[in-house]
Protein backbone atom coordinates (compact mmCIF):
# COMPACT_ATOMS: atom_id res chain seq x y z
CA UNK A 1 40.72 107.38 -68.25
CA UNK A 2 37.77 106.91 -68.94
CA UNK A 3 38.61 103.37 -69.50
CA UNK A 4 40.25 102.90 -66.83
CA UNK A 5 36.91 104.45 -64.38
CA UNK A 6 34.82 101.77 -65.97
CA UNK A 7 36.97 99.22 -65.48
CA UNK A 8 37.06 99.87 -61.74
CA UNK A 9 33.07 100.33 -61.83
CA UNK A 10 32.95 96.55 -63.40
CA UNK A 11 35.58 95.28 -60.59
CA UNK A 12 33.51 96.70 -58.02
CA UNK A 13 30.25 95.79 -59.31
CA UNK A 14 31.46 91.87 -59.63
CA UNK A 15 32.59 92.03 -56.11
CA UNK A 16 29.14 93.48 -54.59
CA UNK A 17 27.19 90.99 -56.60
CA UNK A 18 29.49 88.04 -55.58
CA UNK A 19 29.24 89.67 -51.69
CA UNK A 20 25.06 89.64 -52.22
CA UNK A 21 25.33 85.83 -53.49
CA UNK A 22 27.33 85.02 -50.48
CA UNK A 23 24.80 86.38 -48.14
CA UNK A 24 22.18 85.10 -50.10
CA UNK A 25 23.17 82.02 -49.91
CA UNK A 26 24.42 82.28 -46.41
CA UNK A 27 20.73 83.22 -45.30
CA UNK A 28 18.72 80.49 -47.39
CA UNK A 29 21.41 77.84 -45.56
CA UNK A 30 20.59 79.28 -42.23
CA UNK A 31 16.67 78.48 -42.73
CA UNK A 32 17.17 74.93 -44.04
CA UNK A 33 15.92 72.43 -41.92
CA UNK A 34 19.39 70.34 -40.48
CA UNK A 35 19.01 66.73 -38.89
CA UNK A 36 21.08 65.51 -36.13
CA UNK A 37 21.14 61.35 -36.93
CA UNK A 38 23.51 58.46 -35.15
CA UNK A 39 23.27 55.02 -35.95
CA UNK A 40 20.77 52.24 -34.43
CA UNK A 41 22.31 49.37 -33.77
CA UNK A 42 21.46 45.47 -32.26
CA UNK A 43 21.64 45.44 -28.45
CA UNK A 44 21.09 42.63 -26.08
CA UNK A 45 19.66 43.81 -22.46
CA UNK A 46 19.14 41.31 -19.53
CA UNK A 47 15.89 41.65 -17.57
CA UNK A 48 16.14 40.68 -13.78
CA UNK A 49 15.81 41.65 -10.36
CA UNK A 50 18.42 42.71 -7.44
CA UNK A 51 18.25 40.57 -4.72
CA UNK A 52 19.88 39.43 -1.13
CA UNK A 53 20.75 36.17 -0.81
CA UNK A 54 22.51 33.30 1.06
CA UNK A 55 24.75 30.21 -0.49
CA UNK A 56 23.53 26.94 1.28
CA UNK A 57 25.49 23.48 1.20
CA UNK A 58 25.86 20.56 2.79
CA UNK A 59 29.13 20.82 4.88
CA UNK A 60 30.81 19.56 7.88
CA UNK A 61 33.59 21.76 9.75
CA UNK A 62 37.04 20.31 10.63
CA UNK A 63 38.40 21.66 14.23
CA UNK A 64 41.45 21.29 15.65
CA UNK A 65 42.76 23.05 18.98
CA UNK A 66 46.58 24.10 17.49
CA UNK A 67 47.39 27.41 17.64
CA UNK A 68 49.62 27.08 14.17
CA UNK A 69 47.95 25.84 11.66
CA UNK A 70 49.45 24.65 7.72
CA UNK A 71 46.56 23.91 5.11
CA UNK A 72 47.35 21.02 2.73
CA UNK A 73 44.84 21.22 0.51
CA UNK A 74 43.77 24.07 -1.45
CA UNK A 75 40.25 26.16 -1.74
CA UNK A 76 37.83 24.13 -4.03
CA UNK A 77 40.15 21.33 -4.08
CA UNK A 78 38.56 17.98 -4.34
CA UNK A 79 39.35 15.54 -1.02
CA UNK A 80 39.00 11.44 -0.59
CA UNK A 81 37.79 10.50 2.91
CA UNK A 82 40.64 10.18 4.93
CA UNK A 83 42.85 12.80 3.02
CA UNK A 84 44.96 15.20 5.27
CA UNK A 85 43.45 18.45 5.37
CA UNK A 86 46.03 20.55 7.59
CA UNK A 87 49.33 20.41 9.76
CA UNK A 88 48.45 21.59 12.88
CA UNK A 89 51.71 22.59 15.01
CA UNK A 90 52.70 22.53 19.12
CA UNK A 91 55.86 24.81 18.17
CA UNK A 92 55.87 27.98 16.95
CA UNK A 93 59.13 27.55 14.76
CA UNK A 94 57.53 24.88 13.05
CA UNK A 95 55.87 26.72 10.42
CA UNK A 96 59.62 27.69 9.46
CA UNK A 97 60.39 24.41 9.50
CA UNK A 98 57.87 23.31 7.20
CA UNK A 99 58.90 26.20 4.75
CA UNK A 100 62.49 24.83 5.07
CA UNK A 101 61.41 21.50 3.90
CA UNK A 102 59.06 22.93 1.06
CA UNK A 103 62.68 24.76 -0.32
CA UNK A 104 64.70 21.54 0.21
CA UNK A 105 62.04 19.08 -1.78
CA UNK A 106 62.20 21.93 -4.85
CA UNK A 107 65.85 22.29 -4.60
CA UNK A 108 66.33 18.56 -4.78
CA UNK A 109 63.82 17.99 -7.87
CA UNK A 110 65.65 20.48 -9.73
CA UNK A 111 69.32 18.81 -8.72
CA UNK A 112 68.14 15.63 -9.77
CA UNK A 113 66.49 17.12 -12.93
CA UNK A 114 70.38 18.09 -13.34
CA UNK A 115 72.08 15.05 -12.65
CA UNK A 116 69.63 13.47 -15.70
CA UNK A 117 69.69 15.66 -17.93
CA UNK A 118 73.83 16.04 -17.66
CA UNK A 119 74.50 13.39 -19.78
CA UNK A 120 72.13 14.47 -22.88
CA UNK A 121 74.23 15.75 -25.73
CA UNK A 122 74.06 18.99 -25.95
CA UNK A 123 75.64 22.28 -27.81
CA UNK A 124 78.49 23.80 -25.64
CA UNK A 125 78.78 27.24 -27.26
CA UNK A 126 74.52 27.35 -26.56
CA UNK A 127 75.45 26.13 -23.27
CA UNK A 128 78.06 28.66 -22.47
CA UNK A 129 75.25 31.40 -23.39
CA UNK A 130 72.90 30.12 -21.19
CA UNK A 131 75.00 30.18 -18.36
CA UNK A 132 76.12 33.47 -19.43
CA UNK A 133 72.52 34.52 -19.41
CA UNK A 134 71.65 33.15 -16.09
CA UNK A 135 74.61 35.17 -14.38
CA UNK A 136 73.56 38.40 -15.78
CA UNK A 137 69.56 37.37 -14.88
CA UNK A 138 70.97 36.56 -11.36
CA UNK A 139 72.96 39.89 -11.22
CA UNK A 140 70.03 41.98 -12.40
CA UNK A 141 67.86 40.41 -9.90
CA UNK A 142 70.23 41.35 -6.77
CA UNK A 143 70.97 44.87 -8.30
CA UNK A 144 67.24 45.25 -7.97
CA UNK A 145 67.14 44.45 -4.76
CA UNK A 146 64.04 41.65 -5.92
CA UNK A 147 64.39 38.28 -4.35
CA UNK A 148 61.48 36.94 -5.31
CA UNK A 149 62.76 34.61 -7.78
CA UNK A 150 66.39 34.40 -6.25
CA UNK A 151 66.22 31.07 -5.29
CA UNK A 152 64.96 29.50 -8.37
CA UNK A 153 67.63 31.59 -10.18
CA UNK A 154 70.66 30.51 -8.03
CA UNK A 155 68.97 26.26 -8.57
CA UNK A 156 68.46 26.82 -12.50
CA UNK A 157 72.37 28.34 -12.75
CA UNK A 158 73.64 25.49 -10.67
CA UNK A 159 71.64 23.13 -13.15
CA UNK A 160 73.60 25.25 -15.67
CA UNK A 161 77.40 25.30 -14.78
CA UNK A 162 77.36 21.43 -13.87
CA UNK A 163 76.02 20.61 -17.61
CA UNK A 164 78.86 23.10 -19.05
CA UNK A 165 81.48 20.86 -16.78
CA UNK A 166 80.15 17.73 -18.07
CA UNK A 167 79.94 18.58 -21.59
CA UNK A 168 83.81 19.95 -21.30
CA UNK A 169 84.53 16.45 -19.41
CA UNK A 170 84.68 17.25 -15.97
CA UNK A 171 83.85 13.42 -15.26
CA UNK A 172 83.44 14.77 -11.35
CA UNK A 173 81.02 16.63 -11.88
CA UNK A 174 78.57 14.09 -11.81
CA UNK A 175 79.80 12.80 -8.83
CA UNK A 176 79.94 15.98 -6.84
CA UNK A 177 76.21 16.39 -7.51
CA UNK A 178 75.41 13.23 -6.42
CA UNK A 179 77.12 13.68 -3.11
CA UNK A 180 75.04 17.26 -3.04
CA UNK A 181 71.60 15.58 -3.49
CA UNK A 182 72.38 13.21 -0.92
CA UNK A 183 73.62 15.28 1.35
CA UNK A 184 70.35 17.58 0.89
CA UNK A 185 68.35 14.19 0.87
CA UNK A 186 69.74 13.68 4.32
CA UNK A 187 68.86 17.30 5.77
CA UNK A 188 65.41 16.61 4.55
CA UNK A 189 64.77 13.58 6.18
CA UNK A 190 66.08 15.13 9.09
CA UNK A 191 63.70 18.20 9.12
CA UNK A 192 60.66 15.93 8.51
CA UNK A 193 61.63 13.67 11.58
CA UNK A 194 61.67 16.95 14.03
CA UNK A 195 58.41 17.99 12.11
CA UNK A 196 56.47 14.91 13.01
CA UNK A 197 57.43 15.04 16.61
CA UNK A 198 55.44 18.63 17.05
CA UNK A 199 52.42 18.13 14.51
CA UNK A 200 49.61 16.24 13.81
CA UNK A 201 47.30 15.77 10.57
CA UNK A 202 43.64 16.37 10.18
CA UNK A 203 42.05 14.64 8.02
CA UNK A 204 38.74 14.76 6.43
CA UNK A 205 36.17 12.06 7.61
CA UNK A 206 34.46 12.12 4.60
CA UNK A 207 35.04 12.67 0.73
CA UNK A 208 34.14 15.94 -0.40
CA UNK A 209 35.07 19.34 -1.98
CA UNK A 210 37.65 21.44 0.71
CA UNK A 211 36.81 25.24 1.58
CA UNK A 212 39.30 27.13 4.25
CA UNK A 213 36.40 29.60 4.78
CA UNK A 214 34.40 28.36 8.39
CA UNK A 215 32.20 31.66 8.36
CA UNK A 216 29.74 30.29 10.87
CA UNK A 217 27.12 29.87 9.04
CA UNK A 218 27.39 26.20 8.47
CA UNK A 219 24.87 25.33 11.44
CA UNK A 220 22.62 28.34 10.99
CA UNK A 221 21.25 27.27 7.64
CA UNK A 222 21.29 23.78 5.89
CA UNK A 223 19.60 22.27 2.55
CA UNK A 224 17.50 20.60 4.65
CA UNK A 225 16.09 23.40 5.93
CA UNK A 226 14.72 25.23 2.85
CA UNK A 227 11.84 23.78 2.38
CA UNK A 228 10.33 25.04 5.51
CA UNK A 229 12.13 28.46 5.78
CA UNK A 230 10.13 31.16 5.62
CA UNK A 231 10.78 34.89 4.89
CA UNK A 232 10.73 36.00 8.16
CA UNK A 233 13.30 33.64 8.89
CA UNK A 234 15.49 34.07 5.68
CA UNK A 235 15.46 37.86 6.40
CA UNK A 236 16.52 37.44 9.95
CA UNK A 237 19.13 35.11 8.51
CA UNK A 238 20.40 38.04 6.50
CA UNK A 239 20.32 40.35 8.33
CA UNK A 240 22.31 38.60 11.93
CA UNK A 241 26.05 37.91 12.10
CA UNK A 242 27.23 34.39 12.15
CA UNK A 243 29.22 33.10 15.18
CA UNK A 244 32.81 32.98 14.40
CA UNK A 245 34.44 29.72 14.86
CA UNK A 246 37.94 30.22 16.06
CA UNK A 247 38.79 26.52 16.04
CA UNK A 248 37.77 25.39 12.51
CA UNK A 249 40.80 25.05 10.48
CA UNK A 250 37.66 24.47 7.40
CA UNK A 251 35.43 22.59 6.16
CA UNK A 252 34.25 19.38 3.46
CA UNK A 253 31.38 20.44 1.20
CA UNK A 254 29.55 16.54 1.04
CA UNK A 255 27.01 17.27 -1.83
CA UNK A 256 27.65 18.60 -5.57
CA UNK A 257 24.44 20.37 -5.40
CA UNK A 258 24.00 23.94 -3.65
CA UNK A 259 21.59 25.72 -2.90
CA UNK A 260 20.57 30.14 -3.46
CA UNK A 261 18.17 31.15 -1.01
CA UNK A 262 17.15 35.14 -1.89
CA UNK A 263 14.94 37.62 -1.12
CA UNK A 264 13.87 40.62 -3.25
CA UNK A 265 11.48 43.40 -3.47
CA UNK A 266 7.97 42.76 -5.29
CA UNK A 267 5.48 40.54 -5.74
CA UNK A 268 7.39 38.15 -8.24
CA UNK A 269 7.02 40.54 -11.31
CA UNK A 270 9.16 39.04 -13.04
CA UNK A 271 7.14 35.78 -13.19
CA UNK A 272 9.24 33.28 -12.06
CA UNK A 273 8.42 29.95 -12.74
CA UNK A 274 9.06 26.71 -11.13
CA UNK A 275 11.18 24.18 -12.42
CA UNK A 276 13.00 26.97 -15.01
CA UNK A 277 16.32 27.76 -15.15
CA UNK A 278 17.66 31.32 -14.30
CA UNK A 279 21.31 32.90 -14.77
CA UNK A 280 22.57 34.24 -10.95
CA UNK A 281 25.37 36.71 -11.06
CA UNK A 282 27.13 37.70 -7.91
CA UNK A 283 28.22 40.30 -6.11
CA UNK A 284 32.03 40.08 -5.47
CA UNK A 285 34.05 37.09 -5.38
CA UNK A 286 32.82 35.57 -8.08
CA UNK A 287 32.57 37.40 -11.38
CA UNK A 288 30.95 34.88 -13.85
CA UNK A 289 26.98 33.85 -14.33
CA UNK A 290 25.61 30.47 -12.47
CA UNK A 291 22.67 28.91 -14.21
CA UNK A 292 20.14 27.67 -11.28
CA UNK A 293 17.23 25.91 -11.54
CA UNK A 294 14.33 27.55 -9.19
CA UNK A 295 13.31 25.10 -6.80
CA UNK A 296 10.15 26.90 -4.84
CA UNK A 297 8.97 30.88 -4.94
CA UNK A 298 6.68 32.59 -2.47
CA UNK A 299 5.40 36.03 -2.52
CA UNK A 300 3.98 37.90 0.75
CA UNK A 301 3.36 41.40 1.90
CA UNK A 302 4.80 42.84 -1.17
CA UNK A 303 8.01 40.59 -1.15
CA UNK A 304 9.35 37.37 -3.28
CA UNK A 305 11.46 34.89 -1.57
CA UNK A 306 12.94 32.04 -4.17
CA UNK A 307 15.04 29.01 -3.59
CA UNK A 308 17.65 28.15 -6.30
CA UNK A 309 19.73 25.13 -7.02
CA UNK A 310 22.92 24.35 -9.19
CA UNK A 311 25.36 21.61 -9.70
CA UNK A 312 27.82 23.41 -11.25
CA UNK A 313 30.57 25.98 -10.13
CA UNK A 314 30.81 24.52 -6.76
CA UNK A 315 34.94 24.60 -6.67
CA UNK A 316 34.47 28.27 -7.76
CA UNK A 317 31.90 29.59 -5.35
CA UNK A 318 33.32 27.95 -2.09
CA UNK A 319 33.98 31.63 -0.54
CA UNK A 320 30.66 32.89 -1.25
CA UNK A 321 27.87 33.22 1.65
CA UNK A 322 26.15 36.18 1.97
CA UNK A 323 25.65 37.87 -1.52
CA UNK A 324 23.89 40.41 -3.68
CA UNK A 325 22.79 38.99 -6.87
CA UNK A 326 20.86 39.49 -9.67
CA UNK A 327 18.60 37.19 -10.92
CA UNK A 328 18.32 37.29 -14.89
CA UNK A 329 14.34 36.12 -16.20
CA UNK A 330 14.79 36.55 -19.73
CA UNK A 331 17.06 38.50 -22.02
CA UNK A 332 15.54 40.84 -24.63
CA UNK A 333 17.07 41.62 -27.81
CA UNK A 334 16.17 44.05 -30.50
CA UNK A 335 17.19 47.43 -32.29
CA UNK A 336 18.64 50.26 -29.91
CA UNK A 337 17.50 53.74 -30.33
CA UNK A 338 18.46 56.68 -28.35
CA UNK A 339 14.92 57.99 -26.65
CA UNK A 340 14.89 61.60 -28.53
CA UNK A 341 14.48 59.29 -32.12
CA UNK A 342 10.95 57.74 -30.84
CA UNK A 343 8.09 59.35 -32.13
CA UNK A 344 4.08 58.73 -31.40
CA UNK A 345 2.19 60.00 -34.54
CA UNK A 346 -1.41 59.67 -34.97
CA UNK A 347 -2.33 56.84 -38.22
CA UNK A 348 -5.15 56.44 -39.63
CA UNK A 349 -5.99 52.47 -39.43
CA UNK A 350 -8.47 50.08 -41.39
CA UNK A 351 -9.88 47.68 -39.49
CA UNK A 352 -10.39 44.34 -41.17
CA UNK A 353 -14.44 44.94 -41.93
CA UNK A 354 -13.34 48.31 -43.45
CA UNK A 355 -13.46 50.68 -40.62
CA UNK A 356 -11.21 53.63 -40.13
CA UNK A 357 -9.92 54.73 -37.19
CA UNK A 358 -7.51 56.74 -35.16
CA UNK A 359 -4.46 55.29 -33.60
CA UNK A 360 -1.38 56.40 -32.01
CA UNK A 361 1.59 54.37 -33.59
CA UNK A 362 5.50 54.39 -32.15
CA UNK A 363 8.19 54.64 -34.45
CA UNK A 364 11.43 56.34 -35.64
CA UNK A 365 12.47 58.49 -38.93
CA UNK A 366 15.54 57.66 -40.25
CA UNK A 367 17.66 59.04 -43.53
CA UNK A 368 17.53 56.95 -46.74
CA UNK A 369 19.60 58.85 -49.25
CA UNK A 370 18.27 62.50 -48.83
CA UNK A 371 14.74 61.66 -47.73
CA UNK A 372 13.07 60.75 -44.05
CA UNK A 373 11.46 57.35 -43.66
CA UNK A 374 9.05 56.14 -41.62
CA UNK A 375 9.22 53.01 -39.68
CA UNK A 376 6.91 51.64 -37.45
CA UNK A 377 8.22 49.90 -34.15
CA UNK A 378 7.29 48.01 -30.94
CA UNK A 379 8.84 48.93 -27.72
CA UNK A 380 10.42 46.23 -25.68
CA UNK A 381 12.29 48.07 -23.07
CA UNK A 382 12.81 51.44 -22.05
CA UNK A 383 16.10 52.16 -20.29
CA UNK A 384 17.35 55.44 -19.06
CA UNK A 385 18.83 56.62 -22.41
CA UNK A 386 17.37 54.41 -25.09
CA UNK A 387 14.50 52.29 -25.88
CA UNK A 388 14.47 48.77 -27.38
CA UNK A 389 12.35 48.34 -30.46
CA UNK A 390 11.74 45.93 -33.10
CA UNK A 391 10.19 46.62 -36.61
CA UNK A 392 6.02 45.86 -36.37
CA UNK A 393 6.57 43.70 -39.55
CA UNK A 394 9.72 42.14 -40.31
CA UNK A 395 8.70 41.55 -43.63
CA UNK A 396 8.15 45.27 -44.52
CA UNK A 397 11.16 45.52 -46.72
CA UNK A 398 11.27 49.03 -45.61
CA UNK A 399 11.74 48.21 -41.73
CA UNK A 400 14.44 49.58 -39.43
CA UNK A 401 17.41 47.61 -39.24
CA UNK A 402 20.69 47.79 -37.71
CA UNK A 403 22.79 50.33 -39.27
CA UNK A 404 20.73 52.89 -39.99
CA UNK A 405 20.84 56.35 -38.83
CA UNK A 406 17.52 57.54 -37.02
CA UNK A 407 16.72 61.00 -36.96
CA UNK A 408 17.15 62.50 -33.40
CA UNK A 409 15.57 66.25 -33.97
CA UNK A 410 13.86 67.99 -36.53
CA UNK A 411 10.67 70.31 -37.10
CA UNK A 412 7.94 69.11 -39.46
CA UNK A 413 9.30 65.77 -40.44
CA UNK A 414 6.88 63.38 -42.23
CA UNK A 415 7.82 60.53 -44.13
CA UNK A 416 9.59 61.34 -47.64
CA UNK A 417 10.52 64.72 -46.78
CA UNK A 418 14.07 65.83 -48.22
CA UNK A 419 16.13 66.21 -45.44
CA UNK A 420 19.62 67.66 -45.43
CA UNK A 421 22.34 66.30 -43.06
């Protein structure tokens, strides 16, 4: 009985000791100086300004009095002098006729291809598989009610069937296809004759780049006006609505050099310099950036007017006119750190003559092993939630580098302090 009592007391004592040890460790850990960290990384910011602007080009309007217009050229397509730009119809049924002509031309192209390729040697079993696949594909389109590619699928099936018949010795297949082509050609000629009687062709008087967008600004501002336009005139132009051009079928841009006349708040704080090239990004319809040369810059009453020119991206920007743009003056590359990570500390600085003085320096702490390490930095850019910084001395082996774990919050930090994460 005494042995049982002693054993129980030992077990209870060991249990109490374990509980006390656990509480002691928990109590100590509760007072340790934990740190929150995040990686620093390389980052590039574009420094610029938002502006309102208008695109200016050398343009000639193309007009016609017809009610039904069918454009021949695509947006941004180059055209020689005398090229057909559009067909103007006097008959309301003419657009349908034009659509039939296009369908017939596509069908004839495929039938001629089938006639030429029908004499080629092919694997019969493989051709059977292609016919079956075409039939299955055609049935699936009909079942889904998708008629978008129905015509092309029928033509493709017809080509496969002809080639199969020819492969299996049907000598009449080529003759039948030739007769079909001849009939389609006669039908096409008849449609073209009927269409020519109710249509007229609009041709471009000069060579250039075609645009189907005639917005009324073509006569409001021209490249010749940009050397004398004032900020007040440009401001009025940006705020007014251009007159409509109901009789215009498009325009020809006659010069490869085009311009941006921009207006923004501020007294040229970005120090834009005439003759330099800047990157311009647009608000819509074109999502790339265009390098543009600054031709003219003026500042007046806290506003700045800038005239840019470019000889690139003309065909891609024909639909642009009044735009909100970003003018990128320069790019800054450095190391991005959260705002909480940057610290200002007073350090003793020794001048060249040996004089010591107190100076506020910027820096961040990072975790190296189990210790906090100080890195002096210069601030390049201030963002909403971050700073872009660079090391004060690029040759310093302890400088801040991309990938370092910078400390966000911690009390009583100093260089070399042991920290726990």
